[in-house]
N, C-alpha and C. Protein backbone atom coordinates (compact mmCIF):
# COMPACT_ATOMS: atom_id res chain seq x y z
N MET A 1 -123.55 43.33 -2.32
CA MET A 1 -122.96 42.24 -3.09
C MET A 1 -123.36 42.45 -4.56
N PRO A 2 -122.36 42.36 -5.41
CA PRO A 2 -122.65 42.58 -6.86
C PRO A 2 -123.60 41.48 -7.35
N PRO A 3 -124.40 41.78 -8.39
CA PRO A 3 -125.35 40.80 -8.91
C PRO A 3 -124.67 39.54 -9.43
N VAL A 4 -123.52 39.66 -10.03
CA VAL A 4 -122.79 38.49 -10.54
C VAL A 4 -122.40 37.56 -9.42
N GLN A 5 -121.89 38.16 -8.32
CA GLN A 5 -121.48 37.41 -7.18
C GLN A 5 -122.66 36.72 -6.54
N LEU A 6 -123.81 37.42 -6.46
CA LEU A 6 -125.05 36.85 -5.89
C LEU A 6 -125.51 35.69 -6.77
N PHE A 7 -125.48 35.88 -8.08
CA PHE A 7 -125.89 34.80 -9.01
C PHE A 7 -124.95 33.57 -8.83
N PHE A 8 -123.65 33.79 -8.69
CA PHE A 8 -122.72 32.72 -8.51
C PHE A 8 -122.99 31.97 -7.22
N LEU A 9 -123.27 32.70 -6.13
CA LEU A 9 -123.53 32.13 -4.84
C LEU A 9 -124.83 31.33 -4.89
N CYS A 10 -125.89 31.86 -5.45
CA CYS A 10 -127.19 31.15 -5.56
C CYS A 10 -127.05 29.92 -6.39
N SER A 11 -126.31 30.03 -7.47
CA SER A 11 -126.07 28.84 -8.36
C SER A 11 -125.32 27.75 -7.62
N ALA A 12 -124.29 28.13 -6.85
CA ALA A 12 -123.54 27.15 -6.13
C ALA A 12 -124.37 26.51 -5.03
N LEU A 13 -125.19 27.28 -4.34
CA LEU A 13 -126.08 26.70 -3.30
C LEU A 13 -127.14 25.78 -3.84
N LEU A 14 -127.50 25.92 -5.07
CA LEU A 14 -128.48 25.01 -5.67
C LEU A 14 -127.83 23.84 -6.33
N ILE A 15 -126.75 24.05 -7.06
CA ILE A 15 -126.11 22.99 -7.83
C ILE A 15 -125.31 21.98 -7.03
N LEU A 16 -124.56 22.47 -6.05
CA LEU A 16 -123.63 21.59 -5.34
C LEU A 16 -124.38 20.53 -4.53
N PRO A 17 -125.47 20.90 -3.74
CA PRO A 17 -126.19 19.79 -3.02
C PRO A 17 -126.85 18.87 -4.00
N LEU A 18 -127.36 19.38 -5.07
CA LEU A 18 -128.04 18.53 -6.07
C LEU A 18 -127.05 17.58 -6.68
N ALA A 19 -125.85 18.00 -6.99
CA ALA A 19 -124.78 17.18 -7.59
C ALA A 19 -124.37 16.14 -6.57
N TRP A 20 -124.30 16.46 -5.29
CA TRP A 20 -123.86 15.45 -4.32
C TRP A 20 -124.89 14.37 -4.18
N VAL A 21 -126.18 14.73 -4.21
CA VAL A 21 -127.21 13.70 -4.03
C VAL A 21 -127.50 12.94 -5.33
N LYS A 22 -127.53 13.58 -6.46
CA LYS A 22 -127.90 12.93 -7.72
C LYS A 22 -126.74 12.46 -8.58
N GLY A 23 -125.52 12.86 -8.28
CA GLY A 23 -124.38 12.60 -9.08
C GLY A 23 -123.66 11.30 -8.77
N GLY A 24 -122.76 10.93 -9.60
CA GLY A 24 -121.95 9.74 -9.42
C GLY A 24 -120.64 10.17 -8.72
N HIS A 25 -119.64 9.30 -8.81
CA HIS A 25 -118.36 9.57 -8.15
C HIS A 25 -117.61 10.82 -8.76
N PRO A 26 -117.60 10.98 -10.07
CA PRO A 26 -116.91 12.18 -10.56
C PRO A 26 -117.63 13.45 -10.21
N GLU A 27 -118.99 13.42 -10.18
CA GLU A 27 -119.72 14.61 -9.77
C GLU A 27 -119.49 14.92 -8.27
N ARG A 28 -119.46 13.93 -7.49
CA ARG A 28 -119.14 14.18 -6.07
C ARG A 28 -117.72 14.68 -5.81
N ALA A 29 -116.80 14.21 -6.61
CA ALA A 29 -115.42 14.73 -6.53
C ALA A 29 -115.40 16.17 -6.95
N GLY A 30 -116.20 16.51 -7.97
CA GLY A 30 -116.29 17.91 -8.39
C GLY A 30 -116.86 18.78 -7.29
N VAL A 31 -117.88 18.26 -6.60
CA VAL A 31 -118.52 19.01 -5.51
C VAL A 31 -117.50 19.26 -4.42
N ALA A 32 -116.78 18.23 -4.03
CA ALA A 32 -115.76 18.38 -2.95
C ALA A 32 -114.69 19.37 -3.35
N LEU A 33 -114.31 19.34 -4.63
CA LEU A 33 -113.29 20.21 -5.16
C LEU A 33 -113.79 21.65 -5.12
N PHE A 34 -114.97 21.88 -5.57
CA PHE A 34 -115.53 23.26 -5.56
C PHE A 34 -115.69 23.79 -4.16
N ILE A 35 -116.17 22.97 -3.23
CA ILE A 35 -116.36 23.42 -1.87
C ILE A 35 -114.99 23.76 -1.22
N GLY A 36 -113.99 22.89 -1.48
CA GLY A 36 -112.66 23.16 -0.94
C GLY A 36 -112.08 24.44 -1.48
N ALA A 37 -112.27 24.71 -2.76
CA ALA A 37 -111.79 25.95 -3.33
C ALA A 37 -112.54 27.17 -2.82
N TYR A 38 -113.87 27.02 -2.68
CA TYR A 38 -114.65 28.18 -2.20
C TYR A 38 -114.32 28.51 -0.75
N VAL A 39 -114.17 27.46 0.09
CA VAL A 39 -113.87 27.72 1.50
C VAL A 39 -112.50 28.26 1.71
N SER A 40 -111.54 27.79 0.92
CA SER A 40 -110.15 28.26 1.08
C SER A 40 -109.91 29.64 0.43
N GLY A 41 -110.75 30.06 -0.46
CA GLY A 41 -110.56 31.34 -1.15
C GLY A 41 -110.34 32.54 -0.31
N PRO A 42 -111.23 32.80 0.70
CA PRO A 42 -110.98 34.01 1.49
C PRO A 42 -109.66 33.97 2.32
N PHE A 43 -109.23 32.83 2.66
CA PHE A 43 -107.97 32.72 3.38
C PHE A 43 -106.75 32.95 2.52
N LEU A 44 -106.94 32.65 1.21
CA LEU A 44 -105.80 32.71 0.29
C LEU A 44 -105.64 34.07 -0.36
N GLN A 45 -106.64 34.96 -0.27
CA GLN A 45 -106.60 36.21 -0.99
C GLN A 45 -105.54 37.18 -0.53
N GLY A 46 -105.02 37.01 0.66
CA GLY A 46 -104.09 37.98 1.20
C GLY A 46 -102.67 37.82 0.68
N TYR A 47 -102.38 36.70 0.07
CA TYR A 47 -101.03 36.41 -0.42
C TYR A 47 -100.91 36.91 -1.87
N GLN A 48 -100.34 38.11 -2.02
CA GLN A 48 -100.24 38.70 -3.36
C GLN A 48 -98.80 39.05 -3.72
N VAL A 49 -98.52 38.97 -5.00
CA VAL A 49 -97.28 39.53 -5.56
C VAL A 49 -97.69 40.52 -6.62
N GLY A 50 -97.62 41.75 -6.27
CA GLY A 50 -98.15 42.77 -7.18
C GLY A 50 -99.69 42.72 -7.19
N ASP A 51 -100.24 42.54 -8.36
CA ASP A 51 -101.73 42.40 -8.46
C ASP A 51 -102.16 40.94 -8.54
N VAL A 52 -101.21 40.03 -8.60
CA VAL A 52 -101.54 38.62 -8.72
C VAL A 52 -101.73 37.97 -7.28
N MET A 53 -102.85 37.38 -7.13
CA MET A 53 -103.13 36.63 -5.88
C MET A 53 -102.52 35.25 -6.06
N VAL A 54 -101.29 35.09 -5.59
CA VAL A 54 -100.50 33.91 -5.87
C VAL A 54 -101.15 32.62 -5.24
N ALA A 55 -101.62 32.74 -4.03
CA ALA A 55 -102.20 31.55 -3.39
C ALA A 55 -103.49 31.14 -4.09
N VAL A 56 -104.29 32.10 -4.54
CA VAL A 56 -105.53 31.80 -5.22
C VAL A 56 -105.16 31.16 -6.59
N ALA A 57 -104.14 31.65 -7.23
CA ALA A 57 -103.68 31.08 -8.51
C ALA A 57 -103.23 29.61 -8.31
N LEU A 58 -102.50 29.39 -7.23
CA LEU A 58 -102.08 27.98 -6.94
C LEU A 58 -103.26 27.06 -6.62
N CYS A 59 -104.26 27.61 -5.94
CA CYS A 59 -105.52 26.87 -5.67
C CYS A 59 -106.19 26.54 -6.98
N ASP A 60 -106.26 27.50 -7.87
CA ASP A 60 -106.93 27.27 -9.16
C ASP A 60 -106.12 26.28 -10.00
N LEU A 61 -104.82 26.31 -9.85
CA LEU A 61 -103.98 25.35 -10.56
C LEU A 61 -104.24 23.89 -10.04
N VAL A 62 -104.43 23.79 -8.75
CA VAL A 62 -104.79 22.47 -8.14
C VAL A 62 -106.14 22.01 -8.62
N VAL A 63 -107.11 22.93 -8.63
CA VAL A 63 -108.44 22.60 -9.16
C VAL A 63 -108.38 22.10 -10.61
N TRP A 64 -107.61 22.85 -11.39
CA TRP A 64 -107.46 22.45 -12.81
C TRP A 64 -106.84 21.08 -12.93
N SER A 65 -105.77 20.82 -12.17
CA SER A 65 -105.10 19.55 -12.29
C SER A 65 -105.96 18.34 -11.84
N VAL A 66 -106.83 18.59 -10.81
CA VAL A 66 -107.71 17.55 -10.40
C VAL A 66 -108.78 17.30 -11.43
N PHE A 67 -109.31 18.34 -12.03
CA PHE A 67 -110.34 18.19 -13.12
C PHE A 67 -109.73 17.46 -14.31
N VAL A 68 -108.49 17.78 -14.68
CA VAL A 68 -107.84 17.06 -15.78
C VAL A 68 -107.65 15.59 -15.41
N GLY A 69 -107.23 15.32 -14.17
CA GLY A 69 -107.09 13.91 -13.71
C GLY A 69 -108.44 13.17 -13.74
N LEU A 70 -109.51 13.86 -13.33
CA LEU A 70 -110.82 13.24 -13.36
C LEU A 70 -111.30 12.97 -14.85
N ALA A 71 -110.98 13.93 -15.71
CA ALA A 71 -111.33 13.77 -17.12
C ALA A 71 -110.61 12.61 -17.79
N LEU A 72 -109.36 12.36 -17.33
CA LEU A 72 -108.63 11.22 -17.86
C LEU A 72 -109.10 9.89 -17.26
N ARG A 73 -109.67 9.95 -16.08
CA ARG A 73 -110.08 8.72 -15.44
C ARG A 73 -111.52 8.29 -15.79
N TYR A 74 -112.44 9.25 -15.86
CA TYR A 74 -113.83 8.97 -16.08
C TYR A 74 -114.26 9.39 -17.45
N ASP A 75 -115.28 8.67 -17.96
CA ASP A 75 -115.83 8.98 -19.32
C ASP A 75 -117.02 9.96 -19.20
N ARG A 76 -116.72 11.16 -18.80
CA ARG A 76 -117.72 12.19 -18.62
C ARG A 76 -117.34 13.41 -19.46
N TRP A 77 -118.20 13.90 -20.39
CA TRP A 77 -117.88 15.03 -21.23
C TRP A 77 -117.80 16.31 -20.38
N TRP A 78 -118.60 16.43 -19.32
CA TRP A 78 -118.61 17.66 -18.57
C TRP A 78 -117.27 17.93 -17.90
N LEU A 79 -116.54 16.89 -17.63
CA LEU A 79 -115.23 17.09 -17.01
C LEU A 79 -114.22 17.77 -18.00
N LEU A 80 -114.42 17.50 -19.32
CA LEU A 80 -113.61 18.16 -20.31
C LEU A 80 -113.92 19.66 -20.36
N LEU A 81 -115.24 19.96 -20.31
CA LEU A 81 -115.69 21.40 -20.29
C LEU A 81 -115.14 22.08 -19.05
N ALA A 82 -115.28 21.45 -17.88
CA ALA A 82 -114.78 22.03 -16.65
C ALA A 82 -113.28 22.20 -16.65
N SER A 83 -112.57 21.25 -17.24
CA SER A 83 -111.10 21.39 -17.34
C SER A 83 -110.69 22.53 -18.23
N GLY A 84 -111.44 22.70 -19.34
CA GLY A 84 -111.16 23.82 -20.21
C GLY A 84 -111.43 25.15 -19.58
N ALA A 85 -112.52 25.26 -18.85
CA ALA A 85 -112.86 26.53 -18.16
C ALA A 85 -111.81 26.78 -17.06
N GLN A 86 -111.37 25.76 -16.37
CA GLN A 86 -110.37 25.97 -15.35
C GLN A 86 -109.00 26.30 -15.98
N SER A 87 -108.74 25.84 -17.18
CA SER A 87 -107.58 26.26 -17.92
C SER A 87 -107.54 27.76 -18.17
N LEU A 88 -108.69 28.22 -18.63
CA LEU A 88 -108.81 29.67 -18.85
C LEU A 88 -108.75 30.44 -17.56
N ASN A 89 -109.28 29.86 -16.46
CA ASN A 89 -109.17 30.48 -15.18
C ASN A 89 -107.75 30.67 -14.76
N VAL A 90 -106.96 29.63 -14.90
CA VAL A 90 -105.52 29.71 -14.53
C VAL A 90 -104.80 30.73 -15.44
N LEU A 91 -105.15 30.71 -16.73
CA LEU A 91 -104.55 31.67 -17.66
C LEU A 91 -104.90 33.13 -17.31
N SER A 92 -106.03 33.34 -16.69
CA SER A 92 -106.45 34.69 -16.33
C SER A 92 -105.48 35.24 -15.24
N HIS A 93 -104.96 34.35 -14.41
CA HIS A 93 -103.96 34.81 -13.40
C HIS A 93 -102.66 35.24 -14.10
N ALA A 94 -102.28 34.47 -15.14
CA ALA A 94 -101.09 34.79 -15.88
C ALA A 94 -101.30 36.08 -16.71
N ALA A 95 -102.50 36.34 -17.13
CA ALA A 95 -102.78 37.56 -17.90
C ALA A 95 -102.54 38.81 -17.07
N ILE A 96 -102.74 38.73 -15.79
CA ILE A 96 -102.47 39.89 -14.91
C ILE A 96 -101.00 40.24 -14.99
N LEU A 97 -100.16 39.22 -14.97
CA LEU A 97 -98.71 39.47 -15.05
C LEU A 97 -98.31 40.00 -16.40
N LEU A 98 -98.89 39.42 -17.46
CA LEU A 98 -98.45 39.73 -18.80
C LEU A 98 -99.05 41.03 -19.38
N THR A 99 -100.16 41.43 -18.84
CA THR A 99 -100.85 42.62 -19.37
C THR A 99 -100.91 43.66 -18.24
N PRO A 100 -99.99 44.65 -18.30
CA PRO A 100 -99.97 45.64 -17.18
C PRO A 100 -101.22 46.52 -17.09
N ASP A 101 -101.90 46.73 -18.18
CA ASP A 101 -103.08 47.63 -18.12
C ASP A 101 -104.38 46.85 -17.76
N LEU A 102 -104.29 45.61 -17.43
CA LEU A 102 -105.44 44.79 -17.04
C LEU A 102 -105.64 45.00 -15.54
N SER A 103 -106.88 45.38 -15.15
CA SER A 103 -107.09 45.65 -13.74
C SER A 103 -107.47 44.33 -13.05
N THR A 104 -107.30 44.35 -11.73
CA THR A 104 -107.61 43.14 -10.94
C THR A 104 -109.11 42.86 -11.02
N ARG A 105 -109.93 43.89 -11.10
CA ARG A 105 -111.37 43.73 -11.19
C ARG A 105 -111.73 42.95 -12.50
N GLU A 106 -111.09 43.30 -13.58
CA GLU A 106 -111.38 42.59 -14.84
C GLU A 106 -110.93 41.13 -14.78
N ALA A 107 -109.80 40.88 -14.14
CA ALA A 107 -109.34 39.51 -14.03
C ALA A 107 -110.23 38.70 -13.09
N VAL A 108 -110.68 39.27 -12.04
CA VAL A 108 -111.60 38.56 -11.14
C VAL A 108 -112.93 38.31 -11.83
N ALA A 109 -113.41 39.24 -12.61
CA ALA A 109 -114.65 39.03 -13.36
C ALA A 109 -114.48 37.87 -14.36
N ALA A 110 -113.37 37.76 -14.99
CA ALA A 110 -113.12 36.68 -15.90
C ALA A 110 -113.08 35.33 -15.13
N GLN A 111 -112.45 35.37 -13.95
CA GLN A 111 -112.39 34.14 -13.14
C GLN A 111 -113.79 33.74 -12.68
N TRP A 112 -114.65 34.66 -12.37
CA TRP A 112 -116.02 34.32 -11.99
C TRP A 112 -116.76 33.65 -13.14
N VAL A 113 -116.53 34.20 -14.33
CA VAL A 113 -117.18 33.64 -15.54
C VAL A 113 -116.76 32.23 -15.76
N PHE A 114 -115.42 31.99 -15.70
CA PHE A 114 -114.87 30.63 -15.86
C PHE A 114 -115.33 29.71 -14.77
N GLY A 115 -115.46 30.19 -13.56
CA GLY A 115 -115.98 29.39 -12.47
C GLY A 115 -117.43 29.02 -12.70
N LEU A 116 -118.23 29.97 -13.23
CA LEU A 116 -119.60 29.66 -13.54
C LEU A 116 -119.74 28.62 -14.63
N VAL A 117 -118.87 28.68 -15.62
CA VAL A 117 -118.86 27.68 -16.70
C VAL A 117 -118.57 26.29 -16.11
N SER A 118 -117.61 26.22 -15.21
CA SER A 118 -117.29 24.94 -14.57
C SER A 118 -118.50 24.44 -13.75
N LEU A 119 -119.10 25.35 -12.94
CA LEU A 119 -120.23 24.98 -12.12
C LEU A 119 -121.40 24.48 -12.94
N TYR A 120 -121.69 25.14 -14.09
CA TYR A 120 -122.85 24.74 -14.91
C TYR A 120 -122.48 23.51 -15.76
N ALA A 121 -121.19 23.28 -15.97
CA ALA A 121 -120.82 22.05 -16.61
C ALA A 121 -121.14 20.85 -15.66
N LEU A 122 -120.86 21.03 -14.37
CA LEU A 122 -121.27 20.05 -13.41
C LEU A 122 -122.73 19.83 -13.43
N PHE A 123 -123.53 20.89 -13.46
CA PHE A 123 -124.95 20.79 -13.45
C PHE A 123 -125.45 20.04 -14.73
N SER A 124 -124.86 20.37 -15.86
CA SER A 124 -125.29 19.65 -17.10
C SER A 124 -124.88 18.20 -17.07
N GLY A 125 -123.79 17.86 -16.36
CA GLY A 125 -123.42 16.49 -16.20
C GLY A 125 -124.45 15.73 -15.34
N ILE A 126 -124.99 16.37 -14.36
CA ILE A 126 -126.03 15.80 -13.53
C ILE A 126 -127.29 15.55 -14.37
N LEU A 127 -127.65 16.53 -15.15
CA LEU A 127 -128.85 16.37 -15.99
C LEU A 127 -128.68 15.28 -16.99
N GLU A 128 -127.49 15.15 -17.60
CA GLU A 128 -127.25 14.09 -18.55
C GLU A 128 -127.34 12.74 -17.86
N ARG A 129 -126.77 12.68 -16.68
CA ARG A 129 -126.81 11.42 -15.91
C ARG A 129 -128.22 10.99 -15.58
N HIS A 130 -129.06 11.97 -15.18
CA HIS A 130 -130.45 11.72 -14.88
C HIS A 130 -131.26 11.30 -16.07
N LEU A 131 -131.05 11.99 -17.20
CA LEU A 131 -131.79 11.74 -18.42
C LEU A 131 -131.39 10.39 -19.05
N SER A 132 -130.18 9.97 -18.81
CA SER A 132 -129.74 8.63 -19.38
C SER A 132 -130.18 7.46 -18.45
N GLY A 133 -130.70 7.78 -17.28
CA GLY A 133 -131.19 6.75 -16.36
C GLY A 133 -130.16 6.10 -15.50
N GLU A 134 -128.96 6.69 -15.47
CA GLU A 134 -127.89 6.16 -14.58
C GLU A 134 -128.26 6.40 -13.14
N ARG A 135 -127.85 5.49 -12.29
CA ARG A 135 -128.12 5.63 -10.88
C ARG A 135 -127.11 6.56 -10.24
N ALA A 136 -127.54 7.16 -9.12
CA ALA A 136 -126.62 8.06 -8.37
C ALA A 136 -125.60 7.11 -7.62
N ALA A 137 -124.58 7.76 -7.05
CA ALA A 137 -123.56 7.01 -6.35
C ALA A 137 -124.09 6.35 -5.10
N SER A 138 -125.08 6.94 -4.54
CA SER A 138 -125.69 6.34 -3.35
C SER A 138 -127.22 6.34 -3.46
N PRO A 139 -127.88 5.55 -2.66
CA PRO A 139 -129.36 5.52 -2.78
C PRO A 139 -129.98 6.87 -2.36
N ALA A 140 -131.19 7.05 -2.75
CA ALA A 140 -131.86 8.30 -2.42
C ALA A 140 -132.00 8.46 -0.89
N LEU A 141 -132.11 9.71 -0.46
CA LEU A 141 -132.16 9.97 0.97
C LEU A 141 -133.44 9.53 1.58
N PHE A 142 -134.57 9.62 0.91
CA PHE A 142 -135.83 9.33 1.52
C PHE A 142 -136.54 8.19 0.81
N ARG A 143 -135.84 7.10 0.63
CA ARG A 143 -136.43 5.92 0.01
C ARG A 143 -137.07 5.08 1.10
N THR A 144 -138.31 4.65 0.80
CA THR A 144 -138.97 3.77 1.75
C THR A 144 -138.48 2.37 1.58
N PRO A 145 -138.24 1.64 2.64
CA PRO A 145 -137.72 0.27 2.52
C PRO A 145 -138.75 -0.66 1.87
N ALA A 146 -138.24 -1.60 1.16
CA ALA A 146 -139.08 -2.63 0.52
C ALA A 146 -139.72 -3.48 1.61
N PRO A 147 -140.96 -3.96 1.45
CA PRO A 147 -141.55 -4.80 2.48
C PRO A 147 -140.82 -6.15 2.53
N GLN A 148 -140.64 -6.63 3.73
CA GLN A 148 -139.98 -7.92 3.94
C GLN A 148 -141.04 -9.04 3.87
N THR A 149 -140.74 -10.06 3.12
CA THR A 149 -141.69 -11.18 3.02
C THR A 149 -141.03 -12.44 3.55
């Protein structure tokens, strides 16, 4: 496994559960979106037109549109950063069509980088939420109940 892919996997395994537990509703929507895209990715890679993985490009387009919708609905700056990174991710699929000398490996590397930017935008959103003192969407997992009087 290439080091970049290992870094991406380790980052996702650390950030996504943390975002689910410590995040609010937009962070949880981002987690669900990332997990859906990651799980569907291997199944979608076989549908290609030339060098373009069309099904993966459509999945990235859906991820982009959901992030834009979340950015319009919630007042979170990290959603704008994630939407921008996903915009570049979708454009990297178009770059394969428009640039004949661009290899698939270079396009996939760009997509990994933009995916990492989106993932770390989610992480920075969690940090900002924690530092500002906002509560998570649900109570902590291991909270001891208050004594009944």
